[in-house]
């Protein structure tokens, strides 16, 4: 019973790397989270003292592994928007900077979509913030279904989202944006709201960005987004096709 006793085993067999072998479980809160093993070429090499030292060392290793696991969990939580489950701005910019470096070094381009819920403030004012939160969570679920595994979805702020699409251009982004926009209009249904919930989306890629940087790309994708809103909402807009 690993919850009560730290067990160790000694084998004198050629099936293992050596003639002697011991295994000591790594225990944390009475649960085995791993196994630490030792072997030696000599028969009957390990003694009770080896096992005692091994158990002491194993306890320190178990604590270190558990701390590392907790650290990774905390780091993951720090990168995720707690309401929607989308990535947050900090994690987005970390990812985007890496994509920018790949572009500058290898010419691997990417595109960005800026997405915003139409008339979201009216929904909040009329139906309450709980309903607004439900809209945001359902929206993220629908968006994810329309993206590739390599695409990066971030809640940029409020009801605005940014999506980075590696190895894609503005035309690719527009095609995905239209698929998402139509899916949102059809599938985003919240109890108590009879009117359709729609989104507007702006698309741009590095070729339409004069500075060839993440910041400039976000800027022009945002301009495309607000152009779409000014043209009536519930539409996707490519930055390169804007006509003033």
C-alpha atoms as a PDB file:
ATOM      1  CA  UNK A   1       0.000   0.000   0.000  1.00  0.00           C
ATOM      2  CA  UNK A   2       1.890   3.045  -1.254  1.00  0.00           C
ATOM      3  CA  UNK A   3      -0.245   5.373   0.847  1.00  0.00           C
ATOM      4  CA  UNK A   4       1.203   3.848   4.029  1.00  0.00           C
ATOM      5  CA  UNK A   5       4.615   2.450   3.176  1.00  0.00           C
ATOM      6  CA  UNK A   6       7.469   3.429   0.908  1.00  0.00           C
ATOM      7  CA  UNK A   7       8.266   0.202  -0.845  1.00  0.00           C
ATOM      8  CA  UNK A   8      11.586  -0.694  -2.417  1.00  0.00           C
ATOM      9  CA  UNK A   9      12.513  -3.737  -4.468  1.00  0.00           C
ATOM     10  CA  UNK A  10      15.832  -5.475  -5.104  1.00  0.00           C
ATOM     11  CA  UNK A  11      16.320  -7.878  -7.985  1.00  0.00           C
ATOM     12  CA  UNK A  12      19.279 -10.096  -8.803  1.00  0.00           C
ATOM     13  CA  UNK A  13      18.543 -10.752 -12.461  1.00  0.00           C
ATOM     14  CA  UNK A  14      20.139 -10.068 -15.823  1.00  0.00           C
ATOM     15  CA  UNK A  15      16.831  -8.734 -17.163  1.00  0.00           C
ATOM     16  CA  UNK A  16      17.812  -5.288 -15.840  1.00  0.00           C
ATOM     17  CA  UNK A  17      20.734  -3.058 -16.762  1.00  0.00           C
ATOM     18  CA  UNK A  18      22.742  -4.421 -13.859  1.00  0.00           C
ATOM     19  CA  UNK A  19      22.767  -7.387 -11.536  1.00  0.00           C
ATOM     20  CA  UNK A  20      21.133  -5.382  -8.734  1.00  0.00           C
ATOM     21  CA  UNK A  21      18.236  -2.974  -8.934  1.00  0.00           C
ATOM     22  CA  UNK A  22      16.051  -1.006  -6.529  1.00  0.00           C
ATOM     23  CA  UNK A  23      12.980   1.077  -7.181  1.00  0.00           C
ATOM     24  CA  UNK A  24      11.730   3.724  -4.779  1.00  0.00           C
ATOM     25  CA  UNK A  25       8.336   5.392  -5.368  1.00  0.00           C
ATOM     26  CA  UNK A  26       8.114   9.166  -5.336  1.00  0.00           C
ATOM     27  CA  UNK A  27       5.291   9.983  -2.943  1.00  0.00           C
ATOM     28  CA  UNK A  28       3.419  13.247  -2.579  1.00  0.00           C
ATOM     29  CA  UNK A  29       0.425  13.528  -0.265  1.00  0.00           C
ATOM     30  CA  UNK A  30       0.325   9.726   0.010  1.00  0.00           C
ATOM     31  CA  UNK A  31       0.136   9.332  -3.779  1.00  0.00           C
ATOM     32  CA  UNK A  32       2.801   7.864  -6.042  1.00  0.00           C
ATOM     33  CA  UNK A  33       3.749  10.443  -8.689  1.00  0.00           C
ATOM     34  CA  UNK A  34       6.690   8.532 -10.105  1.00  0.00           C
ATOM     35  CA  UNK A  35       9.457   6.030  -9.507  1.00  0.00           C
ATOM     36  CA  UNK A  36      13.178   6.491  -8.903  1.00  0.00           C
ATOM     37  CA  UNK A  37      15.364   3.518  -9.817  1.00  0.00           C
ATOM     38  CA  UNK A  38      19.010   2.520  -9.340  1.00  0.00           C
ATOM     39  CA  UNK A  39      20.983  -0.410 -10.719  1.00  0.00           C
ATOM     40  CA  UNK A  40      24.464  -1.791 -10.284  1.00  0.00           C
ATOM     41  CA  UNK A  41      26.562  -4.432 -12.048  1.00  0.00           C
ATOM     42  CA  UNK A  42      27.343  -6.243  -8.786  1.00  0.00           C
ATOM     43  CA  UNK A  43      25.007  -8.813  -7.297  1.00  0.00           C
ATOM     44  CA  UNK A  44      23.409  -7.945  -3.976  1.00  0.00           C
ATOM     45  CA  UNK A  45      25.046  -4.517  -4.110  1.00  0.00           C
ATOM     46  CA  UNK A  46      22.323  -2.520  -2.423  1.00  0.00           C
ATOM     47  CA  UNK A  47      21.910  -2.547   1.330  1.00  0.00           C
ATOM     48  CA  UNK A  48      19.333  -1.191   3.737  1.00  0.00           C
ATOM     49  CA  UNK A  49      21.469   1.954   4.028  1.00  0.00           C
ATOM     50  CA  UNK A  50      21.203   2.524   0.273  1.00  0.00           C
ATOM     51  CA  UNK A  51      17.443   2.172   0.514  1.00  0.00           C
ATOM     52  CA  UNK A  52      17.285   4.572   3.469  1.00  0.00           C
ATOM     53  CA  UNK A  53      19.335   7.195   1.602  1.00  0.00           C
ATOM     54  CA  UNK A  54      17.265   6.598  -1.520  1.00  0.00           C
ATOM     55  CA  UNK A  55      14.024   7.209   0.351  1.00  0.00           C
ATOM     56  CA  UNK A  56      15.377  10.484   1.749  1.00  0.00           C
ATOM     57  CA  UNK A  57      16.492  11.612  -1.696  1.00  0.00           C
ATOM     58  CA  UNK A  58      13.197  10.465  -3.216  1.00  0.00           C
ATOM     59  CA  UNK A  59      11.232  12.663  -0.806  1.00  0.00           C
ATOM     60  CA  UNK A  60      13.194  15.733  -1.965  1.00  0.00           C
ATOM     61  CA  UNK A  61      12.729  14.783  -5.633  1.00  0.00           C
ATOM     62  CA  UNK A  62       8.979  14.356  -5.118  1.00  0.00           C
ATOM     63  CA  UNK A  63       8.687  17.825  -3.593  1.00  0.00           C
ATOM     64  CA  UNK A  64      10.703  19.355  -6.446  1.00  0.00           C
ATOM     65  CA  UNK A  65       8.524  17.642  -9.077  1.00  0.00           C
ATOM     66  CA  UNK A  66       5.333  18.742  -7.344  1.00  0.00           C
ATOM     67  CA  UNK A  67       6.566  22.338  -7.143  1.00  0.00           C
ATOM     68  CA  UNK A  68       7.439  22.230 -10.831  1.00  0.00           C
ATOM     69  CA  UNK A  69       3.952  20.923 -11.640  1.00  0.00           C
ATOM     70  CA  UNK A  70       2.307  23.670  -9.575  1.00  0.00           C
ATOM     71  CA  UNK A  71       4.503  26.286 -11.258  1.00  0.00           C
ATOM     72  CA  UNK A  72       3.428  25.098 -14.711  1.00  0.00           C
ATOM     73  CA  UNK A  73      -0.232  25.183 -13.657  1.00  0.00           C
ATOM     74  CA  UNK A  74       0.103  28.717 -12.309  1.00  0.00           C
ATOM     75  CA  UNK A  75       1.936  29.808 -15.454  1.00  0.00           C
ATOM     76  CA  UNK A  76      -0.813  28.334 -17.611  1.00  0.00           C
ATOM     77  CA  UNK A  77      -3.532  30.034 -15.571  1.00  0.00           C
ATOM     78  CA  UNK A  78      -1.661  33.346 -15.869  1.00  0.00           C
ATOM     79  CA  UNK A  79      -1.816  33.019 -19.660  1.00  0.00           C
ATOM     80  CA  UNK A  80      -5.562  32.333 -19.879  1.00  0.00           C
ATOM     81  CA  UNK A  81      -8.556  34.631 -19.592  1.00  0.00           C
ATOM     82  CA  UNK A  82     -10.490  33.144 -16.642  1.00  0.00           C
ATOM     83  CA  UNK A  83     -13.940  33.934 -18.046  1.00  0.00           C
ATOM     84  CA  UNK A  84     -13.711  32.642 -21.603  1.00  0.00           C
ATOM     85  CA  UNK A  85     -10.767  30.248 -21.577  1.00  0.00           C
ATOM     86  CA  UNK A  86      -9.122  32.139 -24.434  1.00  0.00           C
ATOM     87  CA  UNK A  87      -5.507  33.239 -24.114  1.00  0.00           C
ATOM     88  CA  UNK A  88      -4.891  36.680 -22.608  1.00  0.00           C
ATOM     89  CA  UNK A  89      -2.997  39.649 -24.026  1.00  0.00           C
ATOM     90  CA  UNK A  90       0.314  38.806 -22.404  1.00  0.00           C
ATOM     91  CA  UNK A  91       0.402  35.299 -23.833  1.00  0.00           C
ATOM     92  CA  UNK A  92      -0.712  36.634 -27.207  1.00  0.00           C
ATOM     93  CA  UNK A  93       2.154  39.100 -27.463  1.00  0.00           C
ATOM     94  CA  UNK A  94       4.637  36.434 -26.362  1.00  0.00           C
ATOM     95  CA  UNK A  95       3.415  34.200 -29.171  1.00  0.00           C
ATOM     96  CA  UNK A  96       3.165  37.041 -31.697  1.00  0.00           C
ATOM     97  CA  UNK A  97       6.738  38.204 -31.057  1.00  0.00           C
ATOM     98  CA  UNK A  98       7.972  34.688 -31.813  1.00  0.00           C
ATOM     99  CA  UNK A  99       5.983  34.680 -35.060  1.00  0.00           C
ATOM    100  CA  UNK A 100       7.450  38.066 -35.956  1.00  0.00           C
ATOM    101  CA  UNK A 101      10.967  36.686 -35.418  1.00  0.00           C
ATOM    102  CA  UNK A 102      10.204  33.733 -37.691  1.00  0.00           C
ATOM    103  CA  UNK A 103       8.986  36.127 -40.353  1.00  0.00           C
ATOM    104  CA  UNK A 104      12.100  38.274 -40.190  1.00  0.00           C
ATOM    105  CA  UNK A 105      14.413  35.266 -40.222  1.00  0.00           C
ATOM    106  CA  UNK A 106      12.676  32.853 -42.600  1.00  0.00           C
ATOM    107  CA  UNK A 107       9.974  34.927 -44.290  1.00  0.00           C
ATOM    108  CA  UNK A 108       7.203  32.883 -42.633  1.00  0.00           C
ATOM    109  CA  UNK A 109       4.243  35.257 -42.758  1.00  0.00           C
ATOM    110  CA  UNK A 110       1.090  35.401 -40.677  1.00  0.00           C
ATOM    111  CA  UNK A 111      -2.187  37.282 -40.560  1.00  0.00           C
ATOM    112  CA  UNK A 112      -4.351  38.727 -37.820  1.00  0.00           C
ATOM    113  CA  UNK A 113      -8.089  39.088 -37.317  1.00  0.00           C
ATOM    114  CA  UNK A 114      -9.637  41.588 -34.923  1.00  0.00           C
ATOM    115  CA  UNK A 115     -13.156  40.526 -33.892  1.00  0.00           C
ATOM    116  CA  UNK A 116     -15.752  42.504 -31.955  1.00  0.00           C
ATOM    117  CA  UNK A 117     -19.332  41.707 -30.878  1.00  0.00           C
ATOM    118  CA  UNK A 118     -21.812  44.115 -32.448  1.00  0.00           C
ATOM    119  CA  UNK A 119     -23.857  46.233 -29.994  1.00  0.00           C
ATOM    120  CA  UNK A 120     -22.470  44.300 -27.029  1.00  0.00           C
ATOM    121  CA  UNK A 121     -23.068  47.204 -24.623  1.00  0.00           C
ATOM    122  CA  UNK A 122     -26.780  47.150 -25.484  1.00  0.00           C
ATOM    123  CA  UNK A 123     -26.972  43.455 -24.575  1.00  0.00           C
ATOM    124  CA  UNK A 124     -25.219  44.107 -21.278  1.00  0.00           C
ATOM    125  CA  UNK A 125     -27.420  47.079 -20.429  1.00  0.00           C
ATOM    126  CA  UNK A 126     -30.635  45.253 -21.325  1.00  0.00           C
ATOM    127  CA  UNK A 127     -30.000  41.719 -20.083  1.00  0.00           C
ATOM    128  CA  UNK A 128     -27.283  42.162 -17.457  1.00  0.00           C
ATOM    129  CA  UNK A 129     -23.609  41.324 -17.194  1.00  0.00           C
ATOM    130  CA  UNK A 130     -24.235  37.641 -16.463  1.00  0.00           C
ATOM    131  CA  UNK A 131     -25.871  37.307 -19.863  1.00  0.00           C
ATOM    132  CA  UNK A 132     -22.995  39.251 -21.367  1.00  0.00           C
ATOM    133  CA  UNK A 133     -20.529  36.823 -19.812  1.00  0.00           C
ATOM    134  CA  UNK A 134     -22.482  33.883 -21.234  1.00  0.00           C
ATOM    135  CA  UNK A 135     -22.322  35.468 -24.683  1.00  0.00           C
ATOM    136  CA  UNK A 136     -18.542  35.825 -24.428  1.00  0.00           C
ATOM    137  CA  UNK A 137     -18.055  32.221 -23.323  1.00  0.00           C
ATOM    138  CA  UNK A 138     -20.303  30.848 -26.043  1.00  0.00           C
ATOM    139  CA  UNK A 139     -18.615  33.051 -28.637  1.00  0.00           C
ATOM    140  CA  UNK A 140     -15.163  31.662 -27.794  1.00  0.00           C
ATOM    141  CA  UNK A 141     -16.483  28.122 -28.105  1.00  0.00           C
ATOM    142  CA  UNK A 142     -17.838  28.866 -31.592  1.00  0.00           C
ATOM    143  CA  UNK A 143     -14.680  30.678 -32.716  1.00  0.00           C
ATOM    144  CA  UNK A 144     -12.447  27.780 -31.667  1.00  0.00           C
ATOM    145  CA  UNK A 145     -14.440  25.384 -33.831  1.00  0.00           C
ATOM    146  CA  UNK A 146     -13.670  27.548 -36.855  1.00  0.00           C
ATOM    147  CA  UNK A 147      -9.922  27.758 -36.291  1.00  0.00           C
ATOM    148  CA  UNK A 148      -6.989  25.499 -37.072  1.00  0.00           C
ATOM    149  CA  UNK A 149      -4.957  23.931 -34.274  1.00  0.00           C
ATOM    150  CA  UNK A 150      -2.071  26.284 -35.018  1.00  0.00           C
ATOM    151  CA  UNK A 151      -4.202  29.447 -34.741  1.00  0.00           C
ATOM    152  CA  UNK A 152      -4.025  31.562 -31.590  1.00  0.00           C
ATOM    153  CA  UNK A 153      -7.169  33.066 -30.050  1.00  0.00           C
ATOM    154  CA  UNK A 154      -6.860  35.854 -27.493  1.00  0.00           C
ATOM    155  CA  UNK A 155      -9.356  37.941 -25.573  1.00  0.00           C
ATOM    156  CA  UNK A 156      -7.896  41.360 -26.270  1.00  0.00           C
ATOM    157  CA  UNK A 157     -10.204  43.289 -23.985  1.00  0.00           C
ATOM    158  CA  UNK A 158     -13.929  43.463 -23.191  1.00  0.00           C
ATOM    159  CA  UNK A 159     -15.797  41.976 -26.153  1.00  0.00           C
ATOM    160  CA  UNK A 160     -12.845  42.327 -28.553  1.00  0.00           C
ATOM    161  CA  UNK A 161     -10.745  39.346 -29.617  1.00  0.00           C
ATOM    162  CA  UNK A 162      -7.604  39.002 -31.697  1.00  0.00           C
ATOM    163  CA  UNK A 163      -6.704  35.871 -33.648  1.00  0.00           C
ATOM    164  CA  UNK A 164      -3.252  35.201 -35.060  1.00  0.00           C
ATOM    165  CA  UNK A 165      -3.074  32.773 -37.974  1.00  0.00           C
ATOM    166  CA  UNK A 166       0.449  31.467 -38.685  1.00  0.00           C
ATOM    167  CA  UNK A 167       1.513  30.827 -42.281  1.00  0.00           C
ATOM    168  CA  UNK A 168      -1.476  32.613 -43.767  1.00  0.00           C
ATOM    169  CA  UNK A 169      -2.221  35.773 -45.715  1.00  0.00           C
ATOM    170  CA  UNK A 170      -5.083  38.275 -45.668  1.00  0.00           C
ATOM    171  CA  UNK A 171      -7.173  36.210 -48.079  1.00  0.00           C
ATOM    172  CA  UNK A 172      -6.856  33.143 -45.827  1.00  0.00           C
ATOM    173  CA  UNK A 173      -7.817  35.221 -42.797  1.00  0.00           C
ATOM    174  CA  UNK A 174     -10.843  36.639 -44.607  1.00  0.00           C
ATOM    175  CA  UNK A 175     -12.053  33.171 -45.555  1.00  0.00           C
ATOM    176  CA  UNK A 176     -11.798  31.966 -41.954  1.00  0.00           C
ATOM    177  CA  UNK A 177     -13.344  35.214 -40.690  1.00  0.00           C
ATOM    178  CA  UNK A 178     -16.395  34.758 -42.904  1.00  0.00           C
ATOM    179  CA  UNK A 179     -16.808  31.182 -41.744  1.00  0.00           C
ATOM    180  CA  UNK A 180     -16.687  32.308 -38.114  1.00  0.00           C
ATOM    181  CA  UNK A 181     -18.977  35.302 -38.680  1.00  0.00           C
ATOM    182  CA  UNK A 182     -21.684  33.152 -40.300  1.00  0.00           C
ATOM    183  CA  UNK A 183     -21.369  30.454 -37.655  1.00  0.00           C
ATOM    184  CA  UNK A 184     -21.740  33.007 -34.848  1.00  0.00           C
ATOM    185  CA  UNK A 185     -24.874  34.471 -36.408  1.00  0.00           C
ATOM    186  CA  UNK A 186     -26.460  31.033 -36.745  1.00  0.00           C
ATOM    187  CA  UNK A 187     -25.271  29.271 -33.594  1.00  0.00           C
ATOM    188  CA  UNK A 188     -24.808  31.908 -30.882  1.00  0.00           C
ATOM    189  CA  UNK A 189     -28.127  31.646 -29.077  1.00  0.00           C
ATOM    190  CA  UNK A 190     -28.652  32.806 -25.497  1.00  0.00           C
ATOM    191  CA  UNK A 191     -31.866  32.110 -23.603  1.00  0.00           C
ATOM    192  CA  UNK A 192     -33.960  35.245 -23.301  1.00  0.00           C
ATOM    193  CA  UNK A 193     -32.396  36.984 -26.318  1.00  0.00           C
ATOM    194  CA  UNK A 194     -34.479  36.761 -29.475  1.00  0.00           C
ATOM    195  CA  UNK A 195     -32.316  38.956 -31.728  1.00  0.00           C
ATOM    196  CA  UNK A 196     -29.299  37.520 -33.535  1.00  0.00           C
ATOM    197  CA  UNK A 197     -25.896  38.172 -32.026  1.00  0.00           C
ATOM    198  CA  UNK A 198     -23.402  39.166 -34.710  1.00  0.00           C
ATOM    199  CA  UNK A 199     -19.738  40.053 -34.960  1.00  0.00           C
ATOM    200  CA  UNK A 200     -17.601  42.292 -37.144  1.00  0.00           C
ATOM    201  CA  UNK A 201     -14.092  41.238 -38.127  1.00  0.00           C
ATOM    202  CA  UNK A 202     -11.080  43.050 -39.577  1.00  0.00           C
ATOM    203  CA  UNK A 203      -8.327  41.139 -41.393  1.00  0.00           C
ATOM    204  CA  UNK A 204      -4.760  42.056 -42.343  1.00  0.00           C
ATOM    205  CA  UNK A 205      -1.425  40.356 -42.979  1.00  0.00           C
ATOM    206  CA  UNK A 206       2.225  41.378 -42.853  1.00  0.00           C
ATOM    207  CA  UNK A 207       2.232  42.278 -46.543  1.00  0.00           C
ATOM    208  CA  UNK A 208      -0.357  45.003 -45.893  1.00  0.00           C
ATOM    209  CA  UNK A 209       1.607  46.275 -42.895  1.00  0.00           C
ATOM    210  CA  UNK A 210       4.229  48.832 -43.893  1.00  0.00           C
ATOM    211  CA  UNK A 211       6.284  48.319 -40.719  1.00  0.00           C
ATOM    212  CA  UNK A 212       6.084  44.506 -40.883  1.00  0.00           C
ATOM    213  CA  UNK A 213       5.568  44.276 -37.113  1.00  0.00           C
ATOM    214  CA  UNK A 214       2.951  42.867 -34.733  1.00  0.00           C
ATOM    215  CA  UNK A 215       1.965  46.319 -33.457  1.00  0.00           C
ATOM    216  CA  UNK A 216       1.431  47.739 -36.942  1.00  0.00           C
ATOM    217  CA  UNK A 217      -0.498  44.629 -37.972  1.00  0.00           C
ATOM    218  CA  UNK A 218      -2.852  44.948 -35.020  1.00  0.00           C
ATOM    219  CA  UNK A 219      -3.309  48.623 -35.841  1.00  0.00           C
ATOM    220  CA  UNK A 220      -4.403  48.046 -39.425  1.00  0.00           C
ATOM    221  CA  UNK A 221      -6.547  44.999 -38.566  1.00  0.00           C
ATOM    222  CA  UNK A 222      -8.291  47.226 -36.028  1.00  0.00           C
ATOM    223  CA  UNK A 223      -8.850  49.852 -38.715  1.00  0.00           C
ATOM    224  CA  UNK A 224     -10.404  47.173 -40.920  1.00  0.00           C
ATOM    225  CA  UNK A 225     -12.635  46.129 -38.010  1.00  0.00           C
ATOM    226  CA  UNK A 226     -13.993  49.633 -37.464  1.00  0.00           C
ATOM    227  CA  UNK A 227     -14.470  50.085 -41.182  1.00  0.00           C
ATOM    228  CA  UNK A 228     -16.667  46.960 -41.092  1.00  0.00           C
ATOM    229  CA  UNK A 229     -18.650  48.424 -38.202  1.00  0.00           C
ATOM    230  CA  UNK A 230     -19.098  51.746 -39.967  1.00  0.00           C
ATOM    231  CA  UNK A 231     -20.377  49.898 -43.029  1.00  0.00           C
ATOM    232  CA  UNK A 232     -23.213  48.301 -41.099  1.00  0.00           C
ATOM    233  CA  UNK A 233     -21.650  45.590 -38.882  1.00  0.00           C
ATOM    234  CA  UNK A 234     -22.082  41.837 -39.238  1.00  0.00           C
ATOM    235  CA  UNK A 235     -19.354  41.708 -41.860  1.00  0.00           C
ATOM    236  CA  UNK A 236     -15.704  40.850 -42.394  1.00  0.00           C
ATOM    237  CA  UNK A 237     -13.352  43.374 -43.928  1.00  0.00           C
ATOM    238  CA  UNK A 238      -9.922  42.994 -45.542  1.00  0.00           C
ATOM    239  CA  UNK A 239      -7.677  45.973 -44.869  1.00  0.00           C
ATOM    240  CA  UNK A 240      -6.277  45.955 -48.405  1.00  0.00           C
ATOM    241  CA  UNK A 241      -9.759  46.443 -49.928  1.00  0.00           C
ATOM    242  CA  UNK A 242     -10.814  49.430 -47.811  1.00  0.00           C
ATOM    243  CA  UNK A 243     -12.074  52.284 -49.953  1.00  0.00           C
ATOM    244  CA  UNK A 244     -12.319  55.694 -48.304  1.00  0.00           C
END
